[in-house]
């Protein structure tokens, strides 16, 4: 095991794995509800501004991803 000096990696890993764990819990809770789709998780790692893309490039990429998700996915009710 190696000590990390990168808090961003720690936070990103925590959020990703916590989200996946919560999706599993929700899927298990819904197991008897046959008609409901499984829980979905979206995680997007955003590197520090300017490394390797500019802040403007990253902002545009994030906008495109969010727009695509909103336009193509229906939120479970």
PDB file of N, CA and C in Angstrom:
ATOM      1  N   UNK A   1       0.839  -1.158   0.000  1.00  0.00           N
ATOM      2  CA  UNK A   1       0.000   0.000   0.000  1.00  0.00           C
ATOM      3  C   UNK A   1       0.894   1.235   0.000  1.00  0.00           C
ATOM      4  N   UNK A   2       0.392   2.313  -0.669  1.00  0.00           N
ATOM      5  CA  UNK A   2       1.185   3.532  -0.768  1.00  0.00           C
ATOM      6  C   UNK A   2       0.333   4.721  -0.313  1.00  0.00           C
ATOM      7  N   UNK A   3       0.912   5.594   0.460  1.00  0.00           N
ATOM      8  CA  UNK A   3       0.236   6.790   0.940  1.00  0.00           C
ATOM      9  C   UNK A   3       0.055   7.770  -0.213  1.00  0.00           C
ATOM     10  N   UNK A   4      -1.156   8.280  -0.389  1.00  0.00           N
ATOM     11  CA  UNK A   4      -1.435   9.231  -1.452  1.00  0.00           C
ATOM     12  C   UNK A   4      -1.348  10.664  -0.927  1.00  0.00           C
ATOM     13  N   UNK A   5      -0.757  11.515  -1.736  1.00  0.00           N
ATOM     14  CA  UNK A   5      -0.707  12.939  -1.401  1.00  0.00           C
ATOM     15  C   UNK A   5      -1.657  13.714  -2.309  1.00  0.00           C
ATOM     16  N   UNK A   6      -2.564  13.000  -2.973  1.00  0.00           N
ATOM     17  CA  UNK A   6      -3.496  13.603  -3.922  1.00  0.00           C
ATOM     18  C   UNK A   6      -4.917  13.537  -3.361  1.00  0.00           C
ATOM     19  N   UNK A   7      -5.373  14.604  -2.674  1.00  0.00           N
ATOM     20  CA  UNK A   7      -6.712  14.571  -2.074  1.00  0.00           C
ATOM     21  C   UNK A   7      -7.815  14.455  -3.121  1.00  0.00           C
ATOM     22  N   UNK A   8      -7.584  14.984  -4.321  1.00  0.00           N
ATOM     23  CA  UNK A   8      -8.592  14.872  -5.381  1.00  0.00           C
ATOM     24  C   UNK A   8      -8.869  13.435  -5.735  1.00  0.00           C
ATOM     25  N   UNK A   9      -7.841  12.639  -5.806  1.00  0.00           N
ATOM     26  CA  UNK A   9      -8.037  11.219  -6.130  1.00  0.00           C
ATOM     27  C   UNK A   9      -8.829  10.532  -5.017  1.00  0.00           C
ATOM     28  N   UNK A  10      -8.519  10.850  -3.778  1.00  0.00           N
ATOM     29  CA  UNK A  10      -9.242  10.264  -2.654  1.00  0.00           C
ATOM     30  C   UNK A  10     -10.726  10.614  -2.727  1.00  0.00           C
ATOM     31  N   UNK A  11     -11.025  11.887  -2.945  1.00  0.00           N
ATOM     32  CA  UNK A  11     -12.414  12.347  -2.995  1.00  0.00           C
ATOM     33  C   UNK A  11     -13.126  11.715  -4.190  1.00  0.00           C
ATOM     34  N   UNK A  12     -12.501  11.727  -5.358  1.00  0.00           N
ATOM     35  CA  UNK A  12     -13.121  11.138  -6.552  1.00  0.00           C
ATOM     36  C   UNK A  12     -13.394   9.657  -6.366  1.00  0.00           C
ATOM     37  N   UNK A  13     -12.418   8.932  -5.856  1.00  0.00           N
ATOM     38  CA  UNK A  13     -12.616   7.498  -5.624  1.00  0.00           C
ATOM     39  C   UNK A  13     -13.742   7.263  -4.629  1.00  0.00           C
ATOM     40  N   UNK A  14     -13.795   8.040  -3.566  1.00  0.00           N
ATOM     41  CA  UNK A  14     -14.843   7.893  -2.559  1.00  0.00           C
ATOM     42  C   UNK A  14     -16.225   8.121  -3.175  1.00  0.00           C
ATOM     43  N   UNK A  15     -16.361   9.187  -3.946  1.00  0.00           N
ATOM     44  CA  UNK A  15     -17.656   9.496  -4.570  1.00  0.00           C
ATOM     45  C   UNK A  15     -18.052   8.407  -5.560  1.00  0.00           C
ATOM     46  N   UNK A  16     -17.136   7.966  -6.386  1.00  0.00           N
ATOM     47  CA  UNK A  16     -17.437   6.923  -7.361  1.00  0.00           C
ATOM     48  C   UNK A  16     -17.892   5.641  -6.665  1.00  0.00           C
ATOM     49  N   UNK A  17     -17.112   5.134  -5.731  1.00  0.00           N
ATOM     50  CA  UNK A  17     -17.449   3.866  -5.094  1.00  0.00           C
ATOM     51  C   UNK A  17     -18.676   3.975  -4.190  1.00  0.00           C
ATOM     52  N   UNK A  18     -18.877   5.119  -3.566  1.00  0.00           N
ATOM     53  CA  UNK A  18     -20.098   5.318  -2.769  1.00  0.00           C
ATOM     54  C   UNK A  18     -21.330   5.322  -3.669  1.00  0.00           C
ATOM     55  N   UNK A  19     -21.225   5.961  -4.815  1.00  0.00           N
ATOM     56  CA  UNK A  19     -22.340   5.989  -5.767  1.00  0.00           C
ATOM     57  C   UNK A  19     -22.669   4.597  -6.280  1.00  0.00           C
ATOM     58  N   UNK A  20     -21.638   3.840  -6.614  1.00  0.00           N
ATOM     59  CA  UNK A  20     -21.870   2.471  -7.084  1.00  0.00           C
ATOM     60  C   UNK A  20     -22.493   1.608  -5.984  1.00  0.00           C
ATOM     61  N   UNK A  21     -22.045   1.782  -4.753  1.00  0.00           N
ATOM     62  CA  UNK A  21     -22.604   1.018  -3.631  1.00  0.00           C
ATOM     63  C   UNK A  21     -24.071   1.384  -3.424  1.00  0.00           C
ATOM     64  N   UNK A  22     -24.404   2.657  -3.499  1.00  0.00           N
ATOM     65  CA  UNK A  22     -25.794   3.093  -3.337  1.00  0.00           C
ATOM     66  C   UNK A  22     -26.662   2.551  -4.468  1.00  0.00           C
ATOM     67  N   UNK A  23     -26.140   2.515  -5.679  1.00  0.00           N
ATOM     68  CA  UNK A  23     -26.887   1.947  -6.804  1.00  0.00           C
ATOM     69  C   UNK A  23     -27.186   0.473  -6.552  1.00  0.00           C
ATOM     70  N   UNK A  24     -26.241  -0.251  -5.977  1.00  0.00           N
ATOM     71  CA  UNK A  24     -26.474  -1.670  -5.645  1.00  0.00           C
ATOM     72  C   UNK A  24     -27.562  -1.819  -4.585  1.00  0.00           C
ATOM     73  N   UNK A  25     -27.529  -0.955  -3.572  1.00  0.00           N
ATOM     74  CA  UNK A  25     -28.549  -0.996  -2.517  1.00  0.00           C
ATOM     75  C   UNK A  25     -29.919  -0.735  -3.127  1.00  0.00           C
ATOM     76  N   UNK A  26     -30.017   0.276  -3.979  1.00  0.00           N
ATOM     77  CA  UNK A  26     -31.290   0.583  -4.617  1.00  0.00           C
ATOM     78  C   UNK A  26     -31.753  -0.552  -5.523  1.00  0.00           C
ATOM     79  N   UNK A  27     -30.837  -1.155  -6.252  1.00  0.00           N
ATOM     80  CA  UNK A  27     -31.192  -2.269  -7.131  1.00  0.00           C
ATOM     81  C   UNK A  27     -31.726  -3.440  -6.311  1.00  0.00           C
ATOM     82  N   UNK A  28     -31.103  -3.721  -5.176  1.00  0.00           N
ATOM     83  CA  UNK A  28     -31.564  -4.812  -4.317  1.00  0.00           C
ATOM     84  C   UNK A  28     -32.952  -4.503  -3.757  1.00  0.00           C
ATOM     85  N   UNK A  29     -33.182  -3.245  -3.389  1.00  0.00           N
ATOM     86  CA  UNK A  29     -34.479  -2.848  -2.845  1.00  0.00           C
ATOM     87  C   UNK A  29     -35.566  -2.942  -3.909  1.00  0.00           C
ATOM     88  N   UNK A  30     -35.202  -2.757  -5.158  1.00  0.00           N
ATOM     89  CA  UNK A  30     -36.165  -2.789  -6.257  1.00  0.00           C
ATOM     90  C   UNK A  30     -36.341  -4.179  -6.858  1.00  0.00           C
ATOM     91  N   UNK A  31     -35.598  -5.140  -6.388  1.00  0.00           N
ATOM     92  CA  UNK A  31     -35.592  -6.467  -6.999  1.00  0.00           C
ATOM     93  C   UNK A  31     -36.986  -7.041  -7.199  1.00  0.00           C
ATOM     94  N   UNK A  32     -37.895  -6.791  -6.297  1.00  0.00           N
ATOM     95  CA  UNK A  32     -39.236  -7.339  -6.425  1.00  0.00           C
ATOM     96  C   UNK A  32     -40.184  -6.475  -7.231  1.00  0.00           C
ATOM     97  N   UNK A  33     -39.697  -5.371  -7.761  1.00  0.00           N
ATOM     98  CA  UNK A  33     -40.553  -4.432  -8.484  1.00  0.00           C
ATOM     99  C   UNK A  33     -40.387  -4.551  -9.988  1.00  0.00           C
ATOM    100  N   UNK A  34     -40.134  -5.692 -10.508  1.00  0.00           N
ATOM    101  CA  UNK A  34     -39.890  -6.024 -11.896  1.00  0.00           C
ATOM    102  C   UNK A  34     -39.926  -4.952 -12.975  1.00  0.00           C
ATOM    103  N   UNK A  35     -40.826  -3.988 -12.903  1.00  0.00           N
ATOM    104  CA  UNK A  35     -40.956  -3.021 -13.986  1.00  0.00           C
ATOM    105  C   UNK A  35     -40.050  -1.802 -13.858  1.00  0.00           C
ATOM    106  N   UNK A  36     -39.345  -1.643 -12.767  1.00  0.00           N
ATOM    107  CA  UNK A  36     -38.484  -0.468 -12.586  1.00  0.00           C
ATOM    108  C   UNK A  36     -37.060  -0.775 -13.054  1.00  0.00           C
ATOM    109  N   UNK A  37     -36.465   0.163 -13.794  1.00  0.00           N
ATOM    110  CA  UNK A  37     -35.088  -0.056 -14.257  1.00  0.00           C
ATOM    111  C   UNK A  37     -34.106   0.059 -13.093  1.00  0.00           C
ATOM    112  N   UNK A  38     -32.925  -0.520 -13.249  1.00  0.00           N
ATOM    113  CA  UNK A  38     -31.927  -0.412 -12.177  1.00  0.00           C
ATOM    114  C   UNK A  38     -31.474   1.035 -12.000  1.00  0.00           C
ATOM    115  N   UNK A  39     -30.972   1.337 -10.830  1.00  0.00           N
ATOM    116  CA  UNK A  39     -30.455   2.674 -10.550  1.00  0.00           C
ATOM    117  C   UNK A  39     -29.269   2.951 -11.472  1.00  0.00           C
ATOM    118  N   UNK A  40     -29.118   4.207 -11.838  1.00  0.00           N
ATOM    119  CA  UNK A  40     -28.024   4.604 -12.725  1.00  0.00           C
ATOM    120  C   UNK A  40     -27.043   5.489 -11.966  1.00  0.00           C
ATOM    121  N   UNK A  41     -25.785   5.370 -12.342  1.00  0.00           N
ATOM    122  CA  UNK A  41     -24.738   6.191 -11.741  1.00  0.00           C
ATOM    123  C   UNK A  41     -23.962   6.857 -12.865  1.00  0.00           C
ATOM    124  N   UNK A  42     -23.752   8.140 -12.726  1.00  0.00           N
ATOM    125  CA  UNK A  42     -22.916   8.872 -13.675  1.00  0.00           C
ATOM    126  C   UNK A  42     -21.802   9.518 -12.877  1.00  0.00           C
ATOM    127  N   UNK A  43     -20.592   9.244 -13.272  1.00  0.00           N
ATOM    128  CA  UNK A  43     -19.435   9.850 -12.614  1.00  0.00           C
ATOM    129  C   UNK A  43     -18.525  10.395 -13.704  1.00  0.00           C
ATOM    130  N   UNK A  44     -18.102  11.626 -13.554  1.00  0.00           N
ATOM    131  CA  UNK A  44     -17.201  12.224 -14.522  1.00  0.00           C
ATOM    132  C   UNK A  44     -16.040  12.862 -13.770  1.00  0.00           C
ATOM    133  N   UNK A  45     -14.869  12.365 -14.024  1.00  0.00           N
ATOM    134  CA  UNK A  45     -13.676  12.945 -13.405  1.00  0.00           C
ATOM    135  C   UNK A  45     -13.307  14.206 -14.166  1.00  0.00           C
ATOM    136  N   UNK A  46     -13.092  15.285 -13.453  1.00  0.00           N
ATOM    137  CA  UNK A  46     -12.687  16.545 -14.064  1.00  0.00           C
ATOM    138  C   UNK A  46     -11.283  16.872 -13.554  1.00  0.00           C
ATOM    139  N   UNK A  47     -10.321  16.874 -14.449  1.00  0.00           N
ATOM    140  CA  UNK A  47      -8.950  17.169 -14.017  1.00  0.00           C
ATOM    141  C   UNK A  47      -8.790  18.639 -13.640  1.00  0.00           C
ATOM    142  N   UNK A  48      -7.705  18.979 -12.970  1.00  0.00           N
ATOM    143  CA  UNK A  48      -7.467  20.374 -12.620  1.00  0.00           C
ATOM    144  C   UNK A  48      -7.451  21.268 -13.866  1.00  0.00           C
ATOM    145  N   UNK A  49      -7.931  22.495 -13.712  1.00  0.00           N
ATOM    146  CA  UNK A  49      -7.967  23.440 -14.834  1.00  0.00           C
ATOM    147  C   UNK A  49      -6.583  23.607 -15.442  1.00  0.00           C
ATOM    148  N   UNK A  50      -6.537  23.534 -16.744  1.00  0.00           N
ATOM    149  CA  UNK A  50      -5.273  23.726 -17.451  1.00  0.00           C
ATOM    150  C   UNK A  50      -4.412  22.483 -17.548  1.00  0.00           C
ATOM    151  N   UNK A  51      -4.883  21.356 -17.001  1.00  0.00           N
ATOM    152  CA  UNK A  51      -4.068  20.129 -17.002  1.00  0.00           C
ATOM    153  C   UNK A  51      -4.874  18.938 -17.477  1.00  0.00           C
ATOM    154  N   UNK A  52      -4.924  18.514 -18.642  1.00  0.00           N
ATOM    155  CA  UNK A  52      -4.202  19.020 -19.804  1.00  0.00           C
ATOM    156  C   UNK A  52      -5.042  19.979 -20.652  1.00  0.00           C
ATOM    157  N   UNK A  53      -6.307  20.214 -20.294  1.00  0.00           N
ATOM    158  CA  UNK A  53      -7.176  21.078 -21.099  1.00  0.00           C
ATOM    159  C   UNK A  53      -7.458  22.389 -20.380  1.00  0.00           C
ATOM    160  N   UNK A  54      -7.792  23.408 -21.163  1.00  0.00           N
ATOM    161  CA  UNK A  54      -8.071  24.713 -20.577  1.00  0.00           C
ATOM    162  C   UNK A  54      -9.402  24.678 -19.826  1.00  0.00           C
ATOM    163  N   UNK A  55      -9.603  25.657 -18.971  1.00  0.00           N
ATOM    164  CA  UNK A  55     -10.856  25.764 -18.224  1.00  0.00           C
ATOM    165  C   UNK A  55     -12.030  25.880 -19.187  1.00  0.00           C
ATOM    166  N   UNK A  56     -11.873  26.630 -20.248  1.00  0.00           N
ATOM    167  CA  UNK A  56     -12.944  26.798 -21.236  1.00  0.00           C
ATOM    168  C   UNK A  56     -13.259  25.461 -21.920  1.00  0.00           C
ATOM    169  N   UNK A  57     -12.253  24.695 -22.288  1.00  0.00           N
ATOM    170  CA  UNK A  57     -12.473  23.389 -22.918  1.00  0.00           C
ATOM    171  C   UNK A  57     -13.204  22.440 -21.959  1.00  0.00           C
ATOM    172  N   UNK A  58     -12.789  22.420 -20.697  1.00  0.00           N
ATOM    173  CA  UNK A  58     -13.437  21.540 -19.720  1.00  0.00           C
ATOM    174  C   UNK A  58     -14.871  21.971 -19.460  1.00  0.00           C
ATOM    175  N   UNK A  59     -15.118  23.283 -19.390  1.00  0.00           N
ATOM    176  CA  UNK A  59     -16.474  23.788 -19.174  1.00  0.00           C
ATOM    177  C   UNK A  59     -17.372  23.352 -20.320  1.00  0.00           C
ATOM    178  N   UNK A  60     -16.909  23.486 -21.550  1.00  0.00           N
ATOM    179  CA  UNK A  60     -17.713  23.075 -22.709  1.00  0.00           C
ATOM    180  C   UNK A  60     -17.965  21.568 -22.702  1.00  0.00           C
ATOM    181  N   UNK A  61     -16.964  20.793 -22.344  1.00  0.00           N
ATOM    182  CA  UNK A  61     -17.134  19.333 -22.294  1.00  0.00           C
ATOM    183  C   UNK A  61     -18.173  18.944 -21.243  1.00  0.00           C
ATOM    184  N   UNK A  62     -18.109  19.561 -20.075  1.00  0.00           N
ATOM    185  CA  UNK A  62     -19.069  19.257 -19.010  1.00  0.00           C
ATOM    186  C   UNK A  62     -20.477  19.651 -19.441  1.00  0.00           C
ATOM    187  N   UNK A  63     -20.629  20.803 -20.064  1.00  0.00           N
ATOM    188  CA  UNK A  63     -21.936  21.235 -20.563  1.00  0.00           C
ATOM    189  C   UNK A  63     -22.504  20.219 -21.555  1.00  0.00           C
ATOM    190  N   UNK A  64     -21.665  19.722 -22.457  1.00  0.00           N
ATOM    191  CA  UNK A  64     -22.118  18.744 -23.445  1.00  0.00           C
ATOM    192  C   UNK A  64     -22.560  17.452 -22.784  1.00  0.00           C
ATOM    193  N   UNK A  65     -21.806  16.983 -21.808  1.00  0.00           N
ATOM    194  CA  UNK A  65     -22.168  15.743 -21.116  1.00  0.00           C
ATOM    195  C   UNK A  65     -23.491  15.913 -20.374  1.00  0.00           C
ATOM    196  N   UNK A  66     -23.632  17.000 -19.631  1.00  0.00           N
ATOM    197  CA  UNK A  66     -24.863  17.245 -18.874  1.00  0.00           C
ATOM    198  C   UNK A  66     -26.048  17.377 -19.823  1.00  0.00           C
ATOM    199  N   UNK A  67     -25.886  18.109 -20.916  1.00  0.00           N
ATOM    200  CA  UNK A  67     -26.968  18.260 -21.897  1.00  0.00           C
ATOM    201  C   UNK A  67     -27.369  16.911 -22.478  1.00  0.00           C
ATOM    202  N   UNK A  68     -26.392  16.089 -22.818  1.00  0.00           N
ATOM    203  CA  UNK A  68     -26.691  14.771 -23.392  1.00  0.00           C
ATOM    204  C   UNK A  68     -27.463  13.912 -22.397  1.00  0.00           C
ATOM    205  N   UNK A  69     -27.027  13.919 -21.138  1.00  0.00           N
ATOM    206  CA  UNK A  69     -27.711  13.123 -20.115  1.00  0.00           C
ATOM    207  C   UNK A  69     -29.147  13.593 -19.952  1.00  0.00           C
ATOM    208  N   UNK A  70     -29.348  14.891 -19.867  1.00  0.00           N
ATOM    209  CA  UNK A  70     -30.696  15.435 -19.683  1.00  0.00           C
ATOM    210  C   UNK A  70     -31.586  15.093 -20.883  1.00  0.00           C
ATOM    211  N   UNK A  71     -31.059  15.198 -22.074  1.00  0.00           N
ATOM    212  CA  UNK A  71     -31.845  14.949 -23.274  1.00  0.00           C
ATOM    213  C   UNK A  71     -32.126  13.467 -23.525  1.00  0.00           C
ATOM    214  N   UNK A  72     -31.280  12.580 -23.034  1.00  0.00           N
ATOM    215  CA  UNK A  72     -31.389  11.165 -23.392  1.00  0.00           C
ATOM    216  C   UNK A  72     -31.782  10.219 -22.266  1.00  0.00           C
ATOM    217  N   UNK A  73     -31.967  10.712 -21.088  1.00  0.00           N
ATOM    218  CA  UNK A  73     -32.303   9.837 -19.974  1.00  0.00           C
ATOM    219  C   UNK A  73     -33.488  10.395 -19.189  1.00  0.00           C
ATOM    220  N   UNK A  74     -34.422   9.512 -18.909  1.00  0.00           N
ATOM    221  CA  UNK A  74     -35.593   9.902 -18.113  1.00  0.00           C
ATOM    222  C   UNK A  74     -35.307   9.540 -16.677  1.00  0.00           C
ATOM    223  N   UNK A  75     -35.580  10.441 -15.775  1.00  0.00           N
ATOM    224  CA  UNK A  75     -35.380  10.201 -14.344  1.00  0.00           C
ATOM    225  C   UNK A  75     -36.494   9.307 -13.842  1.00  0.00           C
ATOM    226  N   UNK A  76     -36.155   8.278 -13.073  1.00  0.00           N
ATOM    227  CA  UNK A  76     -37.162   7.394 -12.494  1.00  0.00           C
ATOM    228  C   UNK A  76     -38.079   8.185 -11.574  1.00  0.00           C
ATOM    229  N   UNK A  77     -39.356   7.896 -11.616  1.00  0.00           N
ATOM    230  CA  UNK A  77     -40.329   8.596 -10.770  1.00  0.00           C
ATOM    231  C   UNK A  77     -40.793   7.699  -9.662  1.00  0.00           C
TER     232      UNK A  77
END
